[in-house]
Amino acid sequence: MRFMVIVKSDDKTDVSGAQPSAEELQEMGKFNEELVKAGVMLAGEGLRPSSEGVRLQYSGTSEARVVDGPFAESKELIAGFWILQVKDKAEVIEWMKRAPFREGEIEIRRIAEMEDFSNATPEIVEHEQNLRKQAEAN
């Protein structure tokens, strides 16, 4: 099973754009190294502040509206993420209990696999598999 671990943003990380200390970066690097050595980390990144981002808002058939950041509710924003492949939700929870955070919040969500969609035809599944192979090759 693949899970996305969403690191929630806060005023410190999003509004002020504060960067982690060298010590915090070192701690996170050690934690990421553990995840990689265990073979569970597929990806993990921090995100730049919302002031550098945009949102696209869709409304019916009209063209998408582009809204420049920053965005008001920093507690609803994402500061970073991991994609982990583990056997179940309990395992990802145990890993994330060891994350070197001193405050804040994370959210853990299982990534939907094509098999989760009951209306996915064999053609849709094959097409999705081919796209994944192409993406991995890039």
N, C-alpha and C. Protein backbone atom coordinates (compact mmCIF):
# COMPACT_ATOMS: atom_id res chain seq x y z
N MET A 1 0.83 -1.18 0.00
CA MET A 1 0.00 0.00 0.00
C MET A 1 0.88 1.24 0.00
N ARG A 2 0.43 2.22 -0.75
CA ARG A 2 1.13 3.50 -0.76
C ARG A 2 0.31 4.53 0.02
N PHE A 3 1.03 5.33 0.78
CA PHE A 3 0.41 6.38 1.57
C PHE A 3 1.10 7.70 1.30
N MET A 4 0.31 8.78 1.31
CA MET A 4 0.88 10.12 1.29
C MET A 4 0.82 10.65 2.71
N VAL A 5 1.96 11.10 3.18
CA VAL A 5 2.04 11.75 4.48
C VAL A 5 2.14 13.24 4.19
N ILE A 6 1.15 13.98 4.63
CA ILE A 6 1.04 15.41 4.34
C ILE A 6 1.47 16.18 5.59
N VAL A 7 2.51 16.97 5.43
CA VAL A 7 2.98 17.81 6.53
C VAL A 7 2.26 19.14 6.42
N LYS A 8 1.47 19.45 7.43
CA LYS A 8 0.67 20.68 7.42
C LYS A 8 1.57 21.89 7.63
N SER A 9 1.19 22.97 6.99
CA SER A 9 1.90 24.23 7.11
C SER A 9 1.39 24.99 8.33
N ASP A 10 2.12 26.03 8.69
CA ASP A 10 1.67 26.94 9.74
C ASP A 10 2.19 28.33 9.41
N ASP A 11 1.86 29.30 10.24
CA ASP A 11 2.30 30.67 9.97
C ASP A 11 3.82 30.78 9.90
N LYS A 12 4.50 30.00 10.73
CA LYS A 12 5.97 30.05 10.74
C LYS A 12 6.55 29.61 9.39
N THR A 13 6.01 28.54 8.84
CA THR A 13 6.58 28.01 7.60
C THR A 13 6.02 28.68 6.37
N ASP A 14 4.75 29.10 6.40
CA ASP A 14 4.18 29.65 5.18
C ASP A 14 4.20 31.18 5.13
N VAL A 15 3.70 31.83 6.14
CA VAL A 15 3.59 33.28 6.10
C VAL A 15 4.96 33.95 6.16
N SER A 16 5.78 33.54 7.13
CA SER A 16 7.08 34.19 7.29
C SER A 16 8.13 33.57 6.37
N GLY A 17 7.86 32.38 5.85
CA GLY A 17 8.83 31.71 4.98
C GLY A 17 10.06 31.22 5.74
N ALA A 18 9.92 31.06 7.07
CA ALA A 18 11.04 30.60 7.89
C ALA A 18 11.55 29.25 7.41
N GLN A 19 12.85 29.13 7.35
CA GLN A 19 13.46 27.87 6.92
C GLN A 19 13.87 27.07 8.14
N PRO A 20 13.93 25.76 7.99
CA PRO A 20 14.38 24.94 9.12
C PRO A 20 15.85 25.25 9.45
N SER A 21 16.20 25.04 10.70
CA SER A 21 17.58 25.23 11.13
C SER A 21 18.45 24.11 10.54
N ALA A 22 19.75 24.30 10.60
CA ALA A 22 20.68 23.27 10.13
C ALA A 22 20.47 21.98 10.93
N GLU A 23 20.21 22.11 12.23
CA GLU A 23 19.96 20.94 13.09
C GLU A 23 18.70 20.21 12.64
N GLU A 24 17.64 20.96 12.36
CA GLU A 24 16.38 20.35 11.91
C GLU A 24 16.57 19.65 10.57
N LEU A 25 17.31 20.28 9.66
CA LEU A 25 17.59 19.65 8.37
C LEU A 25 18.38 18.36 8.54
N GLN A 26 19.35 18.38 9.45
CA GLN A 26 20.15 17.18 9.71
C GLN A 26 19.28 16.07 10.29
N GLU A 27 18.41 16.40 11.23
CA GLU A 27 17.51 15.40 11.83
C GLU A 27 16.59 14.81 10.77
N MET A 28 16.05 15.67 9.91
CA MET A 28 15.15 15.18 8.86
C MET A 28 15.92 14.31 7.88
N GLY A 29 17.15 14.69 7.56
CA GLY A 29 17.98 13.89 6.68
C GLY A 29 18.23 12.50 7.24
N LYS A 30 18.48 12.41 8.54
CA LYS A 30 18.69 11.10 9.19
C LYS A 30 17.41 10.27 9.12
N PHE A 31 16.27 10.91 9.39
CA PHE A 31 15.00 10.20 9.33
C PHE A 31 14.73 9.70 7.91
N ASN A 32 14.94 10.57 6.92
CA ASN A 32 14.74 10.16 5.52
C ASN A 32 15.67 9.01 5.15
N GLU A 33 16.88 9.04 5.66
CA GLU A 33 17.83 7.95 5.40
C GLU A 33 17.30 6.62 5.96
N GLU A 34 16.70 6.67 7.14
CA GLU A 34 16.09 5.46 7.71
C GLU A 34 14.98 4.93 6.82
N LEU A 35 14.13 5.84 6.33
CA LEU A 35 13.04 5.45 5.45
C LEU A 35 13.56 4.81 4.17
N VAL A 36 14.60 5.41 3.60
CA VAL A 36 15.18 4.89 2.36
C VAL A 36 15.82 3.52 2.60
N LYS A 37 16.60 3.40 3.68
CA LYS A 37 17.26 2.12 3.98
C LYS A 37 16.24 1.00 4.23
N ALA A 38 15.09 1.36 4.80
CA ALA A 38 14.04 0.37 5.04
C ALA A 38 13.26 0.04 3.77
N GLY A 39 13.50 0.82 2.71
CA GLY A 39 12.83 0.56 1.43
C GLY A 39 11.39 1.02 1.38
N VAL A 40 10.99 1.96 2.25
CA VAL A 40 9.60 2.40 2.26
C VAL A 40 9.37 3.77 1.64
N MET A 41 10.44 4.56 1.48
CA MET A 41 10.28 5.92 0.95
C MET A 41 10.37 5.92 -0.56
N LEU A 42 9.28 6.35 -1.21
CA LEU A 42 9.25 6.49 -2.66
C LEU A 42 9.56 7.93 -3.07
N ALA A 43 9.16 8.90 -2.24
CA ALA A 43 9.41 10.31 -2.52
C ALA A 43 9.20 11.09 -1.24
N GLY A 44 9.77 12.26 -1.19
CA GLY A 44 9.58 13.16 -0.07
C GLY A 44 10.19 14.50 -0.38
N GLU A 45 9.42 15.54 -0.17
CA GLU A 45 9.88 16.89 -0.50
C GLU A 45 9.22 17.91 0.42
N GLY A 46 9.91 19.02 0.58
CA GLY A 46 9.31 20.19 1.22
C GLY A 46 8.80 21.11 0.12
N LEU A 47 7.84 21.94 0.45
CA LEU A 47 7.26 22.85 -0.53
C LEU A 47 7.57 24.29 -0.18
N ARG A 48 7.72 25.12 -1.19
CA ARG A 48 7.96 26.55 -1.02
C ARG A 48 6.67 27.19 -0.48
N PRO A 49 6.75 28.40 0.09
CA PRO A 49 5.57 29.06 0.65
C PRO A 49 4.48 29.30 -0.39
N SER A 50 3.24 29.42 0.09
CA SER A 50 2.11 29.63 -0.82
C SER A 50 2.20 30.96 -1.55
N SER A 51 3.01 31.90 -1.04
CA SER A 51 3.18 33.18 -1.73
C SER A 51 3.78 32.98 -3.12
N GLU A 52 4.42 31.84 -3.34
CA GLU A 52 5.01 31.54 -4.64
C GLU A 52 4.11 30.62 -5.47
N GLY A 53 2.96 30.28 -4.92
CA GLY A 53 2.07 29.34 -5.60
C GLY A 53 0.87 30.00 -6.24
N VAL A 54 0.10 29.21 -6.93
CA VAL A 54 -1.16 29.65 -7.52
C VAL A 54 -2.19 28.56 -7.30
N ARG A 55 -3.44 28.95 -7.36
CA ARG A 55 -4.55 28.00 -7.35
C ARG A 55 -5.34 28.20 -8.63
N LEU A 56 -5.81 27.12 -9.18
CA LEU A 56 -6.73 27.20 -10.31
C LEU A 56 -8.11 26.82 -9.80
N GLN A 57 -9.08 27.67 -10.07
CA GLN A 57 -10.45 27.43 -9.63
C GLN A 57 -11.29 27.14 -10.85
N TYR A 58 -12.01 26.01 -10.82
CA TYR A 58 -12.83 25.57 -11.93
C TYR A 58 -14.29 25.78 -11.59
N SER A 59 -15.03 26.26 -12.58
CA SER A 59 -16.44 26.51 -12.37
C SER A 59 -17.19 26.19 -13.65
N GLY A 60 -17.78 25.03 -13.70
CA GLY A 60 -18.56 24.63 -14.87
C GLY A 60 -17.71 24.55 -16.12
N THR A 61 -18.18 25.15 -17.18
CA THR A 61 -17.47 25.07 -18.45
C THR A 61 -16.61 26.30 -18.74
N SER A 62 -16.62 27.28 -17.82
CA SER A 62 -15.80 28.47 -18.06
C SER A 62 -14.33 28.15 -17.85
N GLU A 63 -13.48 29.02 -18.35
CA GLU A 63 -12.03 28.83 -18.22
C GLU A 63 -11.64 28.88 -16.75
N ALA A 64 -10.64 28.09 -16.38
CA ALA A 64 -10.16 28.07 -15.00
C ALA A 64 -9.63 29.45 -14.61
N ARG A 65 -9.96 29.85 -13.40
CA ARG A 65 -9.49 31.14 -12.88
C ARG A 65 -8.20 30.91 -12.09
N VAL A 66 -7.19 31.73 -12.34
CA VAL A 66 -5.90 31.62 -11.65
C VAL A 66 -5.87 32.62 -10.51
N VAL A 67 -5.58 32.12 -9.30
CA VAL A 67 -5.50 32.95 -8.11
C VAL A 67 -4.08 32.83 -7.57
N ASP A 68 -3.39 33.95 -7.50
CA ASP A 68 -2.03 33.96 -6.97
C ASP A 68 -2.03 33.89 -5.45
N GLY A 69 -1.01 33.20 -4.89
CA GLY A 69 -0.81 33.15 -3.45
C GLY A 69 -0.25 34.48 -2.96
N PRO A 70 -0.12 34.69 -1.68
CA PRO A 70 -0.30 33.70 -0.62
C PRO A 70 -1.77 33.46 -0.31
N PHE A 71 -2.02 32.35 0.35
CA PHE A 71 -3.37 31.96 0.70
C PHE A 71 -3.57 32.15 2.20
N ALA A 72 -4.76 32.61 2.57
CA ALA A 72 -5.04 33.09 3.92
C ALA A 72 -4.89 32.05 5.02
N GLU A 73 -5.45 30.89 4.84
CA GLU A 73 -5.48 29.90 5.91
C GLU A 73 -4.27 28.97 5.84
N SER A 74 -3.18 29.35 6.50
CA SER A 74 -1.96 28.55 6.42
C SER A 74 -2.15 27.16 7.01
N LYS A 75 -3.06 27.01 7.97
CA LYS A 75 -3.28 25.69 8.58
C LYS A 75 -3.89 24.70 7.58
N GLU A 76 -4.42 25.18 6.47
CA GLU A 76 -4.98 24.31 5.45
C GLU A 76 -3.98 24.02 4.33
N LEU A 77 -2.77 24.55 4.45
CA LEU A 77 -1.77 24.38 3.40
C LEU A 77 -0.82 23.24 3.72
N ILE A 78 -0.07 22.84 2.72
CA ILE A 78 0.88 21.74 2.85
C ILE A 78 2.30 22.31 2.81
N ALA A 79 3.11 21.92 3.78
CA ALA A 79 4.50 22.37 3.84
C ALA A 79 5.43 21.35 3.18
N GLY A 80 5.00 20.10 3.11
CA GLY A 80 5.82 19.05 2.52
C GLY A 80 5.07 17.74 2.51
N PHE A 81 5.72 16.71 2.00
CA PHE A 81 5.06 15.41 1.91
C PHE A 81 6.07 14.28 1.79
N TRP A 82 5.61 13.09 2.08
CA TRP A 82 6.31 11.85 1.78
C TRP A 82 5.33 10.95 1.04
N ILE A 83 5.84 10.12 0.17
CA ILE A 83 5.08 9.00 -0.38
C ILE A 83 5.80 7.76 0.14
N LEU A 84 5.09 6.97 0.93
CA LEU A 84 5.68 5.76 1.52
C LEU A 84 4.92 4.53 1.05
N GLN A 85 5.67 3.47 0.83
CA GLN A 85 5.06 2.18 0.48
C GLN A 85 5.32 1.23 1.63
N VAL A 86 4.24 0.86 2.31
CA VAL A 86 4.30 0.02 3.50
C VAL A 86 3.20 -1.04 3.42
N LYS A 87 3.19 -1.95 4.40
CA LYS A 87 2.20 -3.03 4.33
C LYS A 87 0.80 -2.59 4.73
N ASP A 88 0.70 -1.59 5.64
CA ASP A 88 -0.62 -1.15 6.08
C ASP A 88 -0.53 0.20 6.80
N LYS A 89 -1.68 0.72 7.18
CA LYS A 89 -1.76 2.02 7.84
C LYS A 89 -1.01 2.03 9.17
N ALA A 90 -1.07 0.92 9.89
CA ALA A 90 -0.37 0.86 11.18
C ALA A 90 1.13 1.07 11.01
N GLU A 91 1.70 0.53 9.93
CA GLU A 91 3.14 0.69 9.72
C GLU A 91 3.50 2.14 9.41
N VAL A 92 2.71 2.81 8.58
CA VAL A 92 3.03 4.20 8.27
C VAL A 92 2.88 5.08 9.53
N ILE A 93 1.91 4.76 10.36
CA ILE A 93 1.75 5.51 11.61
C ILE A 93 2.98 5.33 12.49
N GLU A 94 3.47 4.11 12.61
CA GLU A 94 4.65 3.85 13.44
C GLU A 94 5.87 4.60 12.91
N TRP A 95 6.04 4.62 11.59
CA TRP A 95 7.15 5.38 11.01
C TRP A 95 7.02 6.86 11.36
N MET A 96 5.84 7.41 11.19
CA MET A 96 5.68 8.85 11.36
C MET A 96 5.71 9.27 12.82
N LYS A 97 5.48 8.37 13.74
CA LYS A 97 5.66 8.68 15.16
C LYS A 97 7.13 8.98 15.44
N ARG A 98 8.01 8.47 14.61
CA ARG A 98 9.45 8.67 14.78
C ARG A 98 9.97 9.91 14.05
N ALA A 99 9.11 10.58 13.29
CA ALA A 99 9.53 11.77 12.55
C ALA A 99 10.02 12.84 13.54
N PRO A 100 11.05 13.57 13.16
CA PRO A 100 11.65 14.53 14.11
C PRO A 100 10.92 15.86 14.21
N PHE A 101 9.61 15.82 14.37
CA PHE A 101 8.84 17.05 14.54
C PHE A 101 8.69 17.37 16.02
N ARG A 102 8.73 18.65 16.33
CA ARG A 102 8.54 19.09 17.71
C ARG A 102 7.15 19.70 17.91
N GLU A 103 6.54 20.11 16.80
CA GLU A 103 5.20 20.70 16.85
C GLU A 103 4.57 20.54 15.47
N GLY A 104 3.30 20.89 15.36
CA GLY A 104 2.63 20.83 14.07
C GLY A 104 1.72 19.63 13.93
N GLU A 105 1.39 19.34 12.71
CA GLU A 105 0.44 18.27 12.42
C GLU A 105 0.76 17.65 11.07
N ILE A 106 0.56 16.35 10.97
CA ILE A 106 0.64 15.67 9.69
C ILE A 106 -0.67 14.94 9.44
N GLU A 107 -0.93 14.65 8.20
CA GLU A 107 -2.11 13.89 7.81
C GLU A 107 -1.62 12.72 6.97
N ILE A 108 -2.21 11.55 7.18
CA ILE A 108 -1.82 10.35 6.44
C ILE A 108 -3.02 9.90 5.63
N ARG A 109 -2.81 9.75 4.32
CA ARG A 109 -3.89 9.33 3.42
C ARG A 109 -3.38 8.22 2.52
N ARG A 110 -4.17 7.18 2.37
CA ARG A 110 -3.82 6.09 1.46
C ARG A 110 -4.03 6.58 0.03
N ILE A 111 -3.08 6.24 -0.83
CA ILE A 111 -3.18 6.61 -2.24
C ILE A 111 -4.08 5.60 -2.93
N ALA A 112 -5.04 6.10 -3.69
CA ALA A 112 -5.96 5.24 -4.42
C ALA A 112 -5.21 4.54 -5.54
N GLU A 113 -5.37 3.25 -5.61
CA GLU A 113 -4.79 2.45 -6.69
C GLU A 113 -5.90 2.19 -7.71
N MET A 114 -5.53 1.89 -8.93
CA MET A 114 -6.51 1.65 -9.98
C MET A 114 -7.49 0.54 -9.57
N GLU A 115 -7.01 -0.43 -8.82
CA GLU A 115 -7.87 -1.54 -8.37
C GLU A 115 -8.98 -1.07 -7.43
N ASP A 116 -8.82 0.12 -6.85
CA ASP A 116 -9.84 0.65 -5.95
C ASP A 116 -11.07 1.17 -6.69
N PHE A 117 -10.95 1.37 -8.00
CA PHE A 117 -12.04 1.93 -8.79
C PHE A 117 -12.81 0.79 -9.47
N SER A 118 -14.00 0.54 -8.98
CA SER A 118 -14.78 -0.60 -9.50
C SER A 118 -15.19 -0.42 -10.95
N ASN A 119 -15.22 0.79 -11.45
CA ASN A 119 -15.64 1.02 -12.83
C ASN A 119 -14.46 1.15 -13.80
N ALA A 120 -13.26 0.79 -13.37
CA ALA A 120 -12.09 0.84 -14.25
C ALA A 120 -12.09 -0.40 -15.16
N THR A 121 -12.23 -0.17 -16.44
CA THR A 121 -12.22 -1.26 -17.41
C THR A 121 -10.79 -1.77 -17.59
N PRO A 122 -10.62 -2.97 -18.14
CA PRO A 122 -9.26 -3.46 -18.41
C PRO A 122 -8.46 -2.49 -19.30
N GLU A 123 -9.13 -1.83 -20.21
CA GLU A 123 -8.44 -0.87 -21.09
C GLU A 123 -7.94 0.33 -20.29
N ILE A 124 -8.74 0.81 -19.36
CA ILE A 124 -8.33 1.93 -18.53
C ILE A 124 -7.15 1.53 -17.65
N VAL A 125 -7.20 0.35 -17.08
CA VAL A 125 -6.11 -0.14 -16.23
C VAL A 125 -4.83 -0.26 -17.05
N GLU A 126 -4.91 -0.83 -18.23
CA GLU A 126 -3.73 -0.98 -19.09
C GLU A 126 -3.16 0.39 -19.47
N HIS A 127 -4.03 1.32 -19.83
CA HIS A 127 -3.59 2.67 -20.19
C HIS A 127 -2.85 3.32 -19.02
N GLU A 128 -3.40 3.21 -17.83
CA GLU A 128 -2.78 3.77 -16.63
C GLU A 128 -1.42 3.14 -16.36
N GLN A 129 -1.33 1.83 -16.52
CA GLN A 129 -0.05 1.14 -16.31
C GLN A 129 1.00 1.62 -17.31
N ASN A 130 0.59 1.82 -18.56
CA ASN A 130 1.51 2.31 -19.59
C ASN A 130 1.99 3.73 -19.27
N LEU A 131 1.08 4.58 -18.80
CA LEU A 131 1.46 5.94 -18.42
C LEU A 131 2.46 5.94 -17.27
N ARG A 132 2.25 5.07 -16.29
CA ARG A 132 3.18 4.98 -15.16
C ARG A 132 4.57 4.55 -15.62
N LYS A 133 4.62 3.59 -16.54
CA LYS A 133 5.91 3.14 -17.07
C LYS A 133 6.61 4.28 -17.80
N GLN A 134 5.87 5.04 -18.58
CA GLN A 134 6.46 6.18 -19.28
C GLN A 134 6.97 7.22 -18.31
N ALA A 135 6.21 7.50 -17.28
CA ALA A 135 6.61 8.49 -16.29
C ALA A 135 7.88 8.05 -15.56
N GLU A 136 7.95 6.77 -15.21
CA GLU A 136 9.14 6.24 -14.52
C GLU A 136 10.37 6.32 -15.42
N ALA A 137 10.17 6.12 -16.72
CA ALA A 137 11.29 6.17 -17.67
C ALA A 137 11.85 7.59 -17.80
N ASN A 138 11.00 8.57 -17.57
CA ASN A 138 11.45 9.97 -17.65
C ASN A 138 12.27 10.32 -16.45
